Amino acid sequence: DFHSAQLLRDGDRIWLLDFDTLARGHAEVDLATFIAHIVLDGLSADLSIGEIDQLTGTVLSEYESSGGRVDRNRFRFYLPSAMARLGAIHLARGMKPEIVAHFWDVAMGYLAGDLPGDR
C-alpha cells in the first residue's frame, strides 16, 4: 500500500511510513504500486486518463531525473499486476464495480501499449 498518504513532509525532510509492500530489488515494483494508487485515486476523482497520465508521467520523469532507472519492460509487467492487486482489494472493500472495471481497462492498456509518460 505504498501511496502518497504514506509520505509525510517535515521541512526539507520526507518521512516514509508503512513499508508494507515496499520491496528490496526491482524499483519498478514500488513505482508500480505508487502509480497504481495514483491511477485509482484519479479515476475515483473523475480525472481523465490524460490528466492521470500527466500525473503518473511526472512521477516517473522526476524519479528518473533524480537518478533512478526504470526498466520499461519490467515496469510494463509490474504496473498492471499492481493495479490488478489493488483493484481486487478495493472491490472487496466495496468500491463501485464500474470504477474497478475502468481501472482494469487502464491496466490492460498499459500492458498492451504505452506506459504513463510515454504518450
PDB file of N, CA and C in Angstrom:
ATOM      1  N   ASP A   1       0.815  -1.200   0.000  1.00  0.00           N
ATOM      2  CA  ASP A   1       0.000   0.000   0.000  1.00  0.00           C
ATOM      3  C   ASP A   1       0.852   1.254   0.000  1.00  0.00           C
ATOM      4  N   PHE A   2       1.915   1.247  -0.777  1.00  0.00           N
ATOM      5  CA  PHE A   2       2.793   2.403  -0.901  1.00  0.00           C
ATOM      6  C   PHE A   2       2.081   3.466  -1.733  1.00  0.00           C
ATOM      7  N   HIS A   3       1.679   4.557  -1.095  1.00  0.00           N
ATOM      8  CA  HIS A   3       0.986   5.638  -1.787  1.00  0.00           C
ATOM      9  C   HIS A   3       1.276   6.956  -1.098  1.00  0.00           C
ATOM     10  N   SER A   4       0.774   8.044  -1.635  1.00  0.00           N
ATOM     11  CA  SER A   4       1.148   9.381  -1.180  1.00  0.00           C
ATOM     12  C   SER A   4       0.814   9.648   0.286  1.00  0.00           C
ATOM     13  N   ALA A   5      -0.217   9.016   0.830  1.00  0.00           N
ATOM     14  CA  ALA A   5      -0.550   9.240   2.243  1.00  0.00           C
ATOM     15  C   ALA A   5       0.517   8.662   3.173  1.00  0.00           C
ATOM     16  N   GLN A   6       1.406   7.845   2.628  1.00  0.00           N
ATOM     17  CA  GLN A   6       2.486   7.268   3.425  1.00  0.00           C
ATOM     18  C   GLN A   6       3.713   8.182   3.471  1.00  0.00           C
ATOM     19  N   LEU A   7       3.686   9.291   2.736  1.00  0.00           N
ATOM     20  CA  LEU A   7       4.804  10.228   2.697  1.00  0.00           C
ATOM     21  C   LEU A   7       4.440  11.466   3.507  1.00  0.00           C
ATOM     22  N   LEU A   8       5.226  11.757   4.520  1.00  0.00           N
ATOM     23  CA  LEU A   8       4.989  12.931   5.353  1.00  0.00           C
ATOM     24  C   LEU A   8       6.149  13.897   5.208  1.00  0.00           C
ATOM     25  N   ARG A   9       5.835  15.161   5.048  1.00  0.00           N
ATOM     26  CA  ARG A   9       6.860  16.183   4.875  1.00  0.00           C
ATOM     27  C   ARG A   9       7.098  16.877   6.207  1.00  0.00           C
ATOM     28  N   ASP A  10       8.385  17.058   6.551  1.00  0.00           N
ATOM     29  CA  ASP A  10       8.804  17.754   7.753  1.00  0.00           C
ATOM     30  C   ASP A  10       9.915  18.718   7.345  1.00  0.00           C
ATOM     31  N   GLY A  11       9.511  19.933   6.951  1.00  0.00           N
ATOM     32  CA  GLY A  11      10.505  20.871   6.444  1.00  0.00           C
ATOM     33  C   GLY A  11      11.087  20.360   5.141  1.00  0.00           C
ATOM     34  N   ASP A  12      12.403  20.165   5.116  1.00  0.00           N
ATOM     35  CA  ASP A  12      13.083  19.668   3.924  1.00  0.00           C
ATOM     36  C   ASP A  12      13.177  18.143   3.897  1.00  0.00           C
ATOM     37  N   ARG A  13      12.677  17.499   4.933  1.00  0.00           N
ATOM     38  CA  ARG A  13      12.766  16.042   5.005  1.00  0.00           C
ATOM     39  C   ARG A  13      11.418  15.404   4.668  1.00  0.00           C
ATOM     40  N   ILE A  14      11.482  14.225   4.090  1.00  0.00           N
ATOM     41  CA  ILE A  14      10.284  13.438   3.807  1.00  0.00           C
ATOM     42  C   ILE A  14      10.413  12.127   4.570  1.00  0.00           C
ATOM     43  N   TRP A  15       9.365  11.803   5.305  1.00  0.00           N
ATOM     44  CA  TRP A  15       9.325  10.567   6.075  1.00  0.00           C
ATOM     45  C   TRP A  15       8.398   9.583   5.380  1.00  0.00           C
ATOM     46  N   LEU A  16       8.812   8.347   5.335  1.00  0.00           N
ATOM     47  CA  LEU A  16       8.019   7.291   4.726  1.00  0.00           C
ATOM     48  C   LEU A  16       7.488   6.387   5.827  1.00  0.00           C
ATOM     49  N   LEU A  17       6.182   6.224   5.852  1.00  0.00           N
ATOM     50  CA  LEU A  17       5.526   5.364   6.835  1.00  0.00           C
ATOM     51  C   LEU A  17       5.021   4.102   6.162  1.00  0.00           C
ATOM     52  N   ASP A  18       4.896   3.050   6.930  1.00  0.00           N
ATOM     53  CA  ASP A  18       4.249   1.825   6.473  1.00  0.00           C
ATOM     54  C   ASP A  18       4.930   1.225   5.247  1.00  0.00           C
ATOM     55  N   PHE A  19       5.991   0.523   5.491  1.00  0.00           N
ATOM     56  CA  PHE A  19       6.780  -0.104   4.435  1.00  0.00           C
ATOM     57  C   PHE A  19       6.160  -1.415   3.933  1.00  0.00           C
ATOM     58  N   ASP A  20       4.894  -1.624   4.227  1.00  0.00           N
ATOM     59  CA  ASP A  20       4.184  -2.876   3.990  1.00  0.00           C
ATOM     60  C   ASP A  20       4.574  -3.592   2.706  1.00  0.00           C
ATOM     61  N   THR A  21       4.362  -2.977   1.550  1.00  0.00           N
ATOM     62  CA  THR A  21       4.647  -3.682   0.295  1.00  0.00           C
ATOM     63  C   THR A  21       5.883  -3.165  -0.431  1.00  0.00           C
ATOM     64  N   LEU A  22       6.673  -2.332   0.231  1.00  0.00           N
ATOM     65  CA  LEU A  22       7.925  -1.927  -0.398  1.00  0.00           C
ATOM     66  C   LEU A  22       8.808  -3.159  -0.545  1.00  0.00           C
ATOM     67  N   ALA A  23       9.495  -3.249  -1.657  1.00  0.00           N
ATOM     68  CA  ALA A  23      10.294  -4.436  -1.924  1.00  0.00           C
ATOM     69  C   ALA A  23      11.752  -4.066  -2.120  1.00  0.00           C
ATOM     70  N   ARG A  24      12.613  -4.936  -1.691  1.00  0.00           N
ATOM     71  CA  ARG A  24      14.034  -4.755  -1.972  1.00  0.00           C
ATOM     72  C   ARG A  24      14.293  -5.514  -3.261  1.00  0.00           C
ATOM     73  N   GLY A  25      14.816  -4.836  -4.206  1.00  0.00           N
ATOM     74  CA  GLY A  25      15.045  -5.456  -5.505  1.00  0.00           C
ATOM     75  C   GLY A  25      14.690  -4.480  -6.607  1.00  0.00           C
ATOM     76  N   HIS A  26      13.737  -4.828  -7.406  1.00  0.00           N
ATOM     77  CA  HIS A  26      13.367  -4.000  -8.543  1.00  0.00           C
ATOM     78  C   HIS A  26      12.584  -2.770  -8.084  1.00  0.00           C
ATOM     79  N   ALA A  27      13.103  -1.606  -8.403  1.00  0.00           N
ATOM     80  CA  ALA A  27      12.415  -0.353  -8.075  1.00  0.00           C
ATOM     81  C   ALA A  27      11.068  -0.280  -8.785  1.00  0.00           C
ATOM     82  N   GLU A  28      10.937  -0.974  -9.888  1.00  0.00           N
ATOM     83  CA  GLU A  28       9.693  -0.946 -10.653  1.00  0.00           C
ATOM     84  C   GLU A  28       8.504  -1.471  -9.841  1.00  0.00           C
ATOM     85  N   VAL A  29       8.751  -2.363  -8.886  1.00  0.00           N
ATOM     86  CA  VAL A  29       7.668  -2.880  -8.039  1.00  0.00           C
ATOM     87  C   VAL A  29       7.085  -1.739  -7.210  1.00  0.00           C
ATOM     88  N   ASP A  30       7.945  -0.975  -6.561  1.00  0.00           N
ATOM     89  CA  ASP A  30       7.483   0.131  -5.724  1.00  0.00           C
ATOM     90  C   ASP A  30       6.860   1.245  -6.556  1.00  0.00           C
ATOM     91  N   LEU A  31       7.483   1.567  -7.682  1.00  0.00           N
ATOM     92  CA  LEU A  31       6.906   2.587  -8.563  1.00  0.00           C
ATOM     93  C   LEU A  31       5.532   2.156  -9.077  1.00  0.00           C
ATOM     94  N   ALA A  32       5.400   0.896  -9.422  1.00  0.00           N
ATOM     95  CA  ALA A  32       4.120   0.390  -9.924  1.00  0.00           C
ATOM     96  C   ALA A  32       3.033   0.508  -8.858  1.00  0.00           C
ATOM     97  N   THR A  33       3.355   0.157  -7.627  1.00  0.00           N
ATOM     98  CA  THR A  33       2.371   0.254  -6.550  1.00  0.00           C
ATOM     99  C   THR A  33       1.973   1.704  -6.315  1.00  0.00           C
ATOM    100  N   PHE A  34       2.952   2.592  -6.290  1.00  0.00           N
ATOM    101  CA  PHE A  34       2.692   4.012  -6.080  1.00  0.00           C
ATOM    102  C   PHE A  34       1.824   4.571  -7.204  1.00  0.00           C
ATOM    103  N   ILE A  35       2.178   4.253  -8.432  1.00  0.00           N
ATOM    104  CA  ILE A  35       1.447   4.774  -9.586  1.00  0.00           C
ATOM    105  C   ILE A  35       0.059   4.140  -9.682  1.00  0.00           C
ATOM    106  N   ALA A  36      -0.075   2.875  -9.316  1.00  0.00           N
ATOM    107  CA  ALA A  36      -1.406   2.248  -9.310  1.00  0.00           C
ATOM    108  C   ALA A  36      -2.348   3.017  -8.388  1.00  0.00           C
ATOM    109  N   HIS A  37      -1.848   3.465  -7.249  1.00  0.00           N
ATOM    110  CA  HIS A  37      -2.670   4.269  -6.338  1.00  0.00           C
ATOM    111  C   HIS A  37      -3.045   5.606  -6.967  1.00  0.00           C
ATOM    112  N   ILE A  38      -2.111   6.220  -7.678  1.00  0.00           N
ATOM    113  CA  ILE A  38      -2.412   7.490  -8.346  1.00  0.00           C
ATOM    114  C   ILE A  38      -3.520   7.287  -9.377  1.00  0.00           C
ATOM    115  N   VAL A  39      -3.418   6.212 -10.148  1.00  0.00           N
ATOM    116  CA  VAL A  39      -4.430   5.929 -11.176  1.00  0.00           C
ATOM    117  C   VAL A  39      -5.793   5.696 -10.521  1.00  0.00           C
ATOM    118  N   LEU A  40      -5.832   4.865  -9.490  1.00  0.00           N
ATOM    119  CA  LEU A  40      -7.107   4.580  -8.829  1.00  0.00           C
ATOM    120  C   LEU A  40      -7.694   5.846  -8.196  1.00  0.00           C
ATOM    121  N   ASP A  41      -6.858   6.621  -7.523  1.00  0.00           N
ATOM    122  CA  ASP A  41      -7.338   7.872  -6.922  1.00  0.00           C
ATOM    123  C   ASP A  41      -7.835   8.833  -7.998  1.00  0.00           C
ATOM    124  N   GLY A  42      -7.125   8.884  -9.116  1.00  0.00           N
ATOM    125  CA  GLY A  42      -7.531   9.757 -10.218  1.00  0.00           C
ATOM    126  C   GLY A  42      -8.867   9.360 -10.814  1.00  0.00           C
ATOM    127  N   LEU A  43      -9.044   8.063 -11.044  1.00  0.00           N
ATOM    128  CA  LEU A  43     -10.322   7.585 -11.581  1.00  0.00           C
ATOM    129  C   LEU A  43     -11.450   7.831 -10.584  1.00  0.00           C
ATOM    130  N   SER A  44     -11.174   7.627  -9.312  1.00  0.00           N
ATOM    131  CA  SER A  44     -12.177   7.860  -8.273  1.00  0.00           C
ATOM    132  C   SER A  44     -12.575   9.324  -8.187  1.00  0.00           C
ATOM    133  N   ALA A  45     -11.640  10.213  -8.559  1.00  0.00           N
ATOM    134  CA  ALA A  45     -11.900  11.656  -8.533  1.00  0.00           C
ATOM    135  C   ALA A  45     -12.390  12.171  -9.889  1.00  0.00           C
ATOM    136  N   ASP A  46     -12.711  11.256 -10.809  1.00  0.00           N
ATOM    137  CA  ASP A  46     -13.214  11.594 -12.145  1.00  0.00           C
ATOM    138  C   ASP A  46     -12.214  12.376 -12.992  1.00  0.00           C
ATOM    139  N   LEU A  47     -10.911  12.147 -12.784  1.00  0.00           N
ATOM    140  CA  LEU A  47      -9.914  12.741 -13.676  1.00  0.00           C
ATOM    141  C   LEU A  47      -9.924  11.983 -14.995  1.00  0.00           C
ATOM    142  N   SER A  48      -9.545  12.656 -16.057  1.00  0.00           N
ATOM    143  CA  SER A  48      -9.442  11.992 -17.356  1.00  0.00           C
ATOM    144  C   SER A  48      -8.171  11.151 -17.389  1.00  0.00           C
ATOM    145  N   ILE A  49      -8.125  10.217 -18.325  1.00  0.00           N
ATOM    146  CA  ILE A  49      -6.919   9.399 -18.492  1.00  0.00           C
ATOM    147  C   ILE A  49      -5.734  10.293 -18.838  1.00  0.00           C
ATOM    148  N   GLY A  50      -5.962  11.334 -19.614  1.00  0.00           N
ATOM    149  CA  GLY A  50      -4.884  12.275 -19.935  1.00  0.00           C
ATOM    150  C   GLY A  50      -4.334  12.956 -18.701  1.00  0.00           C
ATOM    151  N   GLU A  51      -5.221  13.381 -17.802  1.00  0.00           N
ATOM    152  CA  GLU A  51      -4.777  14.018 -16.560  1.00  0.00           C
ATOM    153  C   GLU A  51      -4.018  13.029 -15.673  1.00  0.00           C
ATOM    154  N   ILE A  52      -4.512  11.804 -15.630  1.00  0.00           N
ATOM    155  CA  ILE A  52      -3.837  10.771 -14.832  1.00  0.00           C
ATOM    156  C   ILE A  52      -2.474  10.456 -15.427  1.00  0.00           C
ATOM    157  N   ASP A  53      -2.412  10.314 -16.753  1.00  0.00           N
ATOM    158  CA  ASP A  53      -1.125  10.050 -17.408  1.00  0.00           C
ATOM    159  C   ASP A  53      -0.132  11.183 -17.151  1.00  0.00           C
ATOM    160  N   GLN A  54      -0.621  12.407 -17.106  1.00  0.00           N
ATOM    161  CA  GLN A  54       0.269  13.543 -16.828  1.00  0.00           C
ATOM    162  C   GLN A  54       0.853  13.417 -15.418  1.00  0.00           C
ATOM    163  N   LEU A  55       0.011  13.096 -14.449  1.00  0.00           N
ATOM    164  CA  LEU A  55       0.485  12.922 -13.071  1.00  0.00           C
ATOM    165  C   LEU A  55       1.477  11.769 -12.962  1.00  0.00           C
ATOM    166  N   THR A  56       1.105  10.634 -13.509  1.00  0.00           N
ATOM    167  CA  THR A  56       1.974   9.465 -13.396  1.00  0.00           C
ATOM    168  C   THR A  56       3.252   9.636 -14.213  1.00  0.00           C
ATOM    169  N   GLY A  57       3.142  10.284 -15.353  1.00  0.00           N
ATOM    170  CA  GLY A  57       4.337  10.572 -16.153  1.00  0.00           C
ATOM    171  C   GLY A  57       5.294  11.482 -15.408  1.00  0.00           C
ATOM    172  N   THR A  58       4.750  12.431 -14.664  1.00  0.00           N
ATOM    173  CA  THR A  58       5.588  13.331 -13.857  1.00  0.00           C
ATOM    174  C   THR A  58       6.326  12.550 -12.779  1.00  0.00           C
ATOM    175  N   VAL A  59       5.636  11.628 -12.119  1.00  0.00           N
ATOM    176  CA  VAL A  59       6.287  10.799 -11.093  1.00  0.00           C
ATOM    177  C   VAL A  59       7.457  10.039 -11.702  1.00  0.00           C
ATOM    178  N   LEU A  60       7.224   9.400 -12.844  1.00  0.00           N
ATOM    179  CA  LEU A  60       8.295   8.624 -13.490  1.00  0.00           C
ATOM    180  C   LEU A  60       9.444   9.511 -13.943  1.00  0.00           C
ATOM    181  N   SER A  61       9.132  10.641 -14.567  1.00  0.00           N
ATOM    182  CA  SER A  61      10.210  11.503 -15.064  1.00  0.00           C
ATOM    183  C   SER A  61      11.015  12.113 -13.915  1.00  0.00           C
ATOM    184  N   GLU A  62      10.339  12.474 -12.824  1.00  0.00           N
ATOM    185  CA  GLU A  62      11.062  13.011 -11.664  1.00  0.00           C
ATOM    186  C   GLU A  62      11.936  11.938 -11.020  1.00  0.00           C
ATOM    187  N   TYR A  63      11.427  10.722 -10.963  1.00  0.00           N
ATOM    188  CA  TYR A  63      12.216   9.615 -10.432  1.00  0.00           C
ATOM    189  C   TYR A  63      13.474   9.422 -11.280  1.00  0.00           C
ATOM    190  N   GLU A  64      13.290   9.405 -12.590  1.00  0.00           N
ATOM    191  CA  GLU A  64      14.428   9.197 -13.491  1.00  0.00           C
ATOM    192  C   GLU A  64      15.390  10.381 -13.471  1.00  0.00           C
ATOM    193  N   SER A  65      14.853  11.594 -13.382  1.00  0.00           N
ATOM    194  CA  SER A  65      15.743  12.760 -13.387  1.00  0.00           C
ATOM    195  C   SER A  65      16.541  12.874 -12.092  1.00  0.00           C
ATOM    196  N   SER A  66      16.084  12.189 -11.040  1.00  0.00           N
ATOM    197  CA  SER A  66      16.844  12.209  -9.785  1.00  0.00           C
ATOM    198  C   SER A  66      17.834  11.049  -9.703  1.00  0.00           C
ATOM    199  N   GLY A  67      17.978  10.318 -10.796  1.00  0.00           N
ATOM    200  CA  GLY A  67      18.978   9.259 -10.853  1.00  0.00           C
ATOM    201  C   GLY A  67      18.422   7.844 -10.849  1.00  0.00           C
ATOM    202  N   GLY A  68      17.112   7.705 -10.678  1.00  0.00           N
ATOM    203  CA  GLY A  68      16.514   6.372 -10.694  1.00  0.00           C
ATOM    204  C   GLY A  68      16.422   5.827 -12.109  1.00  0.00           C
ATOM    205  N   ARG A  69      16.477   4.538 -12.213  1.00  0.00           N
ATOM    206  CA  ARG A  69      16.364   3.881 -13.522  1.00  0.00           C
ATOM    207  C   ARG A  69      15.107   3.028 -13.546  1.00  0.00           C
ATOM    208  N   VAL A  70      14.417   3.078 -14.672  1.00  0.00           N
ATOM    209  CA  VAL A  70      13.204   2.280 -14.834  1.00  0.00           C
ATOM    210  C   VAL A  70      13.363   1.400 -16.060  1.00  0.00           C
ATOM    211  N   ASP A  71      13.336   0.102 -15.849  1.00  0.00           N
ATOM    212  CA  ASP A  71      13.320  -0.844 -16.957  1.00  0.00           C
ATOM    213  C   ASP A  71      11.877  -0.887 -17.447  1.00  0.00           C
ATOM    214  N   ARG A  72      11.636  -0.332 -18.630  1.00  0.00           N
ATOM    215  CA  ARG A  72      10.258  -0.192 -19.138  1.00  0.00           C
ATOM    216  C   ARG A  72       9.561  -1.537 -19.324  1.00  0.00           C
ATOM    217  N   ASN A  73      10.281  -2.542 -19.757  1.00  0.00           N
ATOM    218  CA  ASN A  73       9.655  -3.853 -19.937  1.00  0.00           C
ATOM    219  C   ASN A  73       9.235  -4.452 -18.599  1.00  0.00           C
ATOM    220  N   ARG A  74      10.103  -4.340 -17.618  1.00  0.00           N
ATOM    221  CA  ARG A  74       9.763  -4.839 -16.285  1.00  0.00           C
ATOM    222  C   ARG A  74       8.598  -4.045 -15.716  1.00  0.00           C
ATOM    223  N   PHE A  75       8.642  -2.730 -15.873  1.00  0.00           N
ATOM    224  CA  PHE A  75       7.582  -1.860 -15.357  1.00  0.00           C
ATOM    225  C   PHE A  75       6.253  -2.160 -16.051  1.00  0.00           C
ATOM    226  N   ARG A  76       6.302  -2.473 -17.349  1.00  0.00           N
ATOM    227  CA  ARG A  76       5.095  -2.802 -18.111  1.00  0.00           C
ATOM    228  C   ARG A  76       4.404  -4.047 -17.539  1.00  0.00           C
ATOM    229  N   PHE A  77       5.154  -4.927 -16.909  1.00  0.00           N
ATOM    230  CA  PHE A  77       4.570  -6.098 -16.246  1.00  0.00           C
ATOM    231  C   PHE A  77       4.088  -5.747 -14.838  1.00  0.00           C
ATOM    232  N   TYR A  78       4.911  -5.065 -14.066  1.00  0.00           N
ATOM    233  CA  TYR A  78       4.586  -4.793 -12.665  1.00  0.00           C
ATOM    234  C   TYR A  78       3.410  -3.841 -12.495  1.00  0.00           C
ATOM    235  N   LEU A  79       3.270  -2.847 -13.379  1.00  0.00           N
ATOM    236  CA  LEU A  79       2.188  -1.879 -13.203  1.00  0.00           C
ATOM    237  C   LEU A  79       0.808  -2.536 -13.314  1.00  0.00           C
ATOM    238  N   PRO A  80       0.504  -3.268 -14.389  1.00  0.00           N
ATOM    239  CA  PRO A  80      -0.812  -3.938 -14.421  1.00  0.00           C
ATOM    240  C   PRO A  80      -0.988  -4.949 -13.291  1.00  0.00           C
ATOM    241  N   SER A  81       0.091  -5.604 -12.874  1.00  0.00           N
ATOM    242  CA  SER A  81      -0.003  -6.552 -11.754  1.00  0.00           C
ATOM    243  C   SER A  81      -0.380  -5.823 -10.470  1.00  0.00           C
ATOM    244  N   ALA A  82       0.259  -4.690 -10.216  1.00  0.00           N
ATOM    245  CA  ALA A  82      -0.066  -3.894  -9.022  1.00  0.00           C
ATOM    246  C   ALA A  82      -1.501  -3.377  -9.111  1.00  0.00           C
ATOM    247  N   MET A  83      -1.919  -2.993 -10.299  1.00  0.00           N
ATOM    248  CA  MET A  83      -3.278  -2.494 -10.473  1.00  0.00           C
ATOM    249  C   MET A  83      -4.300  -3.602 -10.262  1.00  0.00           C
ATOM    250  N   ALA A  84      -4.003  -4.811 -10.731  1.00  0.00           N
ATOM    251  CA  ALA A  84      -4.921  -5.940 -10.523  1.00  0.00           C
ATOM    252  C   ALA A  84      -5.073  -6.225  -9.032  1.00  0.00           C
ATOM    253  N   ARG A  85      -3.962  -6.234  -8.321  1.00  0.00           N
ATOM    254  CA  ARG A  85      -3.994  -6.483  -6.876  1.00  0.00           C
ATOM    255  C   ARG A  85      -4.788  -5.391  -6.161  1.00  0.00           C
ATOM    256  N   LEU A  86      -4.492  -4.133  -6.488  1.00  0.00           N
ATOM    257  CA  LEU A  86      -5.167  -3.005  -5.847  1.00  0.00           C
ATOM    258  C   LEU A  86      -6.658  -2.983  -6.188  1.00  0.00           C
ATOM    259  N   GLY A  87      -6.996  -3.265  -7.436  1.00  0.00           N
ATOM    260  CA  GLY A  87      -8.394  -3.305  -7.844  1.00  0.00           C
ATOM    261  C   GLY A  87      -9.170  -4.378  -7.106  1.00  0.00           C
ATOM    262  N   ALA A  88      -8.569  -5.559  -6.954  1.00  0.00           N
ATOM    263  CA  ALA A  88      -9.231  -6.649  -6.234  1.00  0.00           C
ATOM    264  C   ALA A  88      -9.455  -6.282  -4.770  1.00  0.00           C
ATOM    265  N   ILE A  89      -8.468  -5.654  -4.159  1.00  0.00           N
ATOM    266  CA  ILE A  89      -8.598  -5.241  -2.752  1.00  0.00           C
ATOM    267  C   ILE A  89      -9.739  -4.247  -2.596  1.00  0.00           C
ATOM    268  N   HIS A  90      -9.776  -3.243  -3.464  1.00  0.00           N
ATOM    269  CA  HIS A  90     -10.794  -2.198  -3.321  1.00  0.00           C
ATOM    270  C   HIS A  90     -12.188  -2.674  -3.730  1.00  0.00           C
ATOM    271  N   LEU A  91     -12.264  -3.603  -4.656  1.00  0.00           N
ATOM    272  CA  LEU A  91     -13.560  -4.194  -4.989  1.00  0.00           C
ATOM    273  C   LEU A  91     -14.107  -4.955  -3.774  1.00  0.00           C
ATOM    274  N   ALA A  92     -13.232  -5.711  -3.117  1.00  0.00           N
ATOM    275  CA  ALA A  92     -13.650  -6.449  -1.916  1.00  0.00           C
ATOM    276  C   ALA A  92     -14.048  -5.501  -0.789  1.00  0.00           C
ATOM    277  N   ARG A  93     -13.478  -4.293  -0.793  1.00  0.00           N
ATOM    278  CA  ARG A  93     -13.799  -3.304   0.247  1.00  0.00           C
ATOM    279  C   ARG A  93     -15.035  -2.481  -0.107  1.00  0.00           C
ATOM    280  N   GLY A  94     -15.645  -2.775  -1.251  1.00  0.00           N
ATOM    281  CA  GLY A  94     -16.894  -2.115  -1.599  1.00  0.00           C
ATOM    282  C   GLY A  94     -16.795  -0.974  -2.592  1.00  0.00           C
ATOM    283  N   MET A  95     -15.654  -0.803  -3.248  1.00  0.00           N
ATOM    284  CA  MET A  95     -15.561   0.236  -4.273  1.00  0.00           C
ATOM    285  C   MET A  95     -16.530  -0.088  -5.397  1.00  0.00           C
ATOM    286  N   LYS A  96     -17.055   0.939  -6.018  1.00  0.00           N
ATOM    287  CA  LYS A  96     -18.001   0.748  -7.116  1.00  0.00           C
ATOM    288  C   LYS A  96     -17.376  -0.127  -8.205  1.00  0.00           C
ATOM    289  N   PRO A  97     -18.075  -1.176  -8.626  1.00  0.00           N
ATOM    290  CA  PRO A  97     -17.526  -2.070  -9.656  1.00  0.00           C
ATOM    291  C   PRO A  97     -17.170  -1.351 -10.955  1.00  0.00           C
ATOM    292  N   GLU A  98     -17.911  -0.297 -11.315  1.00  0.00           N
ATOM    293  CA  GLU A  98     -17.592   0.404 -12.561  1.00  0.00           C
ATOM    294  C   GLU A  98     -16.252   1.138 -12.481  1.00  0.00           C
ATOM    295  N   ILE A  99     -15.875   1.612 -11.299  1.00  0.00           N
ATOM    296  CA  ILE A  99     -14.557   2.249 -11.147  1.00  0.00           C
ATOM    297  C   ILE A  99     -13.470   1.194 -11.269  1.00  0.00           C
ATOM    298  N   VAL A 100     -13.673   0.049 -10.622  1.00  0.00           N
ATOM    299  CA  VAL A 100     -12.686  -1.033 -10.705  1.00  0.00           C
ATOM    300  C   VAL A 100     -12.577  -1.544 -12.137  1.00  0.00           C
ATOM    301  N   ALA A 101     -13.693  -1.652 -12.849  1.00  0.00           N
ATOM    302  CA  ALA A 101     -13.659  -2.102 -14.245  1.00  0.00           C
ATOM    303  C   ALA A 101     -12.879  -1.113 -15.112  1.00  0.00           C
ATOM    304  N   HIS A 102     -13.101   0.176 -14.911  1.00  0.00           N
ATOM    305  CA  HIS A 102     -12.363   1.198 -15.658  1.00  0.00           C
ATOM    306  C   HIS A 102     -10.873   1.123 -15.311  1.00  0.00           C
ATOM    307  N   PHE A 103     -10.585   0.931 -14.035  1.00  0.00           N
ATOM    308  CA  PHE A 103      -9.203   0.777 -13.554  1.00  0.00           C
ATOM    309  C   PHE A 103      -8.527  -0.396 -14.256  1.00  0.00           C
ATOM    310  N   TRP A 104      -9.254  -1.521 -14.366  1.00  0.00           N
ATOM    311  CA  TRP A 104      -8.700  -2.699 -15.045  1.00  0.00           C
ATOM    312  C   TRP A 104      -8.476  -2.418 -16.529  1.00  0.00           C
ATOM    313  N   ASP A 105      -9.391  -1.711 -17.170  1.00  0.00           N
ATOM    314  CA  ASP A 105      -9.214  -1.348 -18.584  1.00  0.00           C
ATOM    315  C   ASP A 105      -7.943  -0.524 -18.777  1.00  0.00           C
ATOM    316  N   VAL A 106      -7.709   0.411 -17.858  1.00  0.00           N
ATOM    317  CA  VAL A 106      -6.480   1.218 -17.930  1.00  0.00           C
ATOM    318  C   VAL A 106      -5.259   0.319 -17.758  1.00  0.00           C
ATOM    319  N   ALA A 107      -5.324  -0.617 -16.823  1.00  0.00           N
ATOM    320  CA  ALA A 107      -4.213  -1.544 -16.599  1.00  0.00           C
ATOM    321  C   ALA A 107      -3.905  -2.347 -17.856  1.00  0.00           C
ATOM    322  N   MET A 108      -4.945  -2.838 -18.507  1.00  0.00           N
ATOM    323  CA  MET A 108      -4.742  -3.615 -19.731  1.00  0.00           C
ATOM    324  C   MET A 108      -4.154  -2.749 -20.835  1.00  0.00           C
ATOM    325  N   GLY A 109      -4.548  -1.486 -20.876  1.00  0.00           N
ATOM    326  CA  GLY A 109      -3.958  -0.558 -21.843  1.00  0.00           C
ATOM    327  C   GLY A 109      -2.473  -0.363 -21.599  1.00  0.00           C
ATOM    328  N   TYR A 110      -2.091  -0.261 -20.326  1.00  0.00           N
ATOM    329  CA  TYR A 110      -0.664  -0.125 -20.001  1.00  0.00           C
ATOM    330  C   TYR A 110       0.097  -1.388 -20.389  1.00  0.00           C
ATOM    331  N   LEU A 111      -0.521  -2.548 -20.188  1.00  0.00           N
ATOM    332  CA  LEU A 111       0.120  -3.798 -20.528  1.00  0.00           C
ATOM    333  C   LEU A 111       0.347  -3.912 -22.041  1.00  0.00           C
ATOM    334  N   ALA A 112      -0.627  -3.467 -22.801  1.00  0.00           N
ATOM    335  CA  ALA A 112      -0.579  -3.632 -24.258  1.00  0.00           C
ATOM    336  C   ALA A 112       0.092  -2.475 -24.994  1.00  0.00           C
ATOM    337  N   GLY A 113       0.133  -1.314 -24.381  1.00  0.00           N
ATOM    338  CA  GLY A 113       0.608  -0.140 -25.122  1.00  0.00           C
ATOM    339  C   GLY A 113       1.558   0.722 -24.343  1.00  0.00           C
ATOM    340  N   ASP A 114       1.333   2.000 -24.477  1.00  0.00           N
ATOM    341  CA  ASP A 114       2.202   2.983 -23.851  1.00  0.00           C
ATOM    342  C   ASP A 114       2.036   3.019 -22.337  1.00  0.00           C
ATOM    343  N   LEU A 115       3.135   3.272 -21.679  1.00  0.00           N
ATOM    344  CA  LEU A 115       3.117   3.468 -20.235  1.00  0.00           C
ATOM    345  C   LEU A 115       2.873   4.932 -19.928  1.00  0.00           C
ATOM    346  N   PRO A 116       2.517   5.253 -18.691  1.00  0.00           N
ATOM    347  CA  PRO A 116       2.368   6.662 -18.334  1.00  0.00           C
ATOM    348  C   PRO A 116       3.642   7.427 -18.664  1.00  0.00           C
ATOM    349  N   GLY A 117       3.481   8.585 -19.238  1.00  0.00           N
ATOM    350  CA  GLY A 117       4.620   9.406 -19.599  1.00  0.00           C
ATOM    351  C   GLY A 117       5.210   9.111 -20.965  1.00  0.00           C
ATOM    352  N   ASP A 118       4.780   8.011 -21.604  1.00  0.00           N
ATOM    353  CA  ASP A 118       5.285   7.652 -22.930  1.00  0.00           C
ATOM    354  C   ASP A 118       4.461   8.296 -24.040  1.00  0.00           C
ATOM    355  N   ARG A 119       3.277   8.774 -23.731  1.00  0.00           N
ATOM    356  CA  ARG A 119       2.377   9.294 -24.770  1.00  0.00           C
ATOM    357  C   ARG A 119       2.764  10.699 -25.153  1.00  0.00           C
TER     358      ARG A 119
END
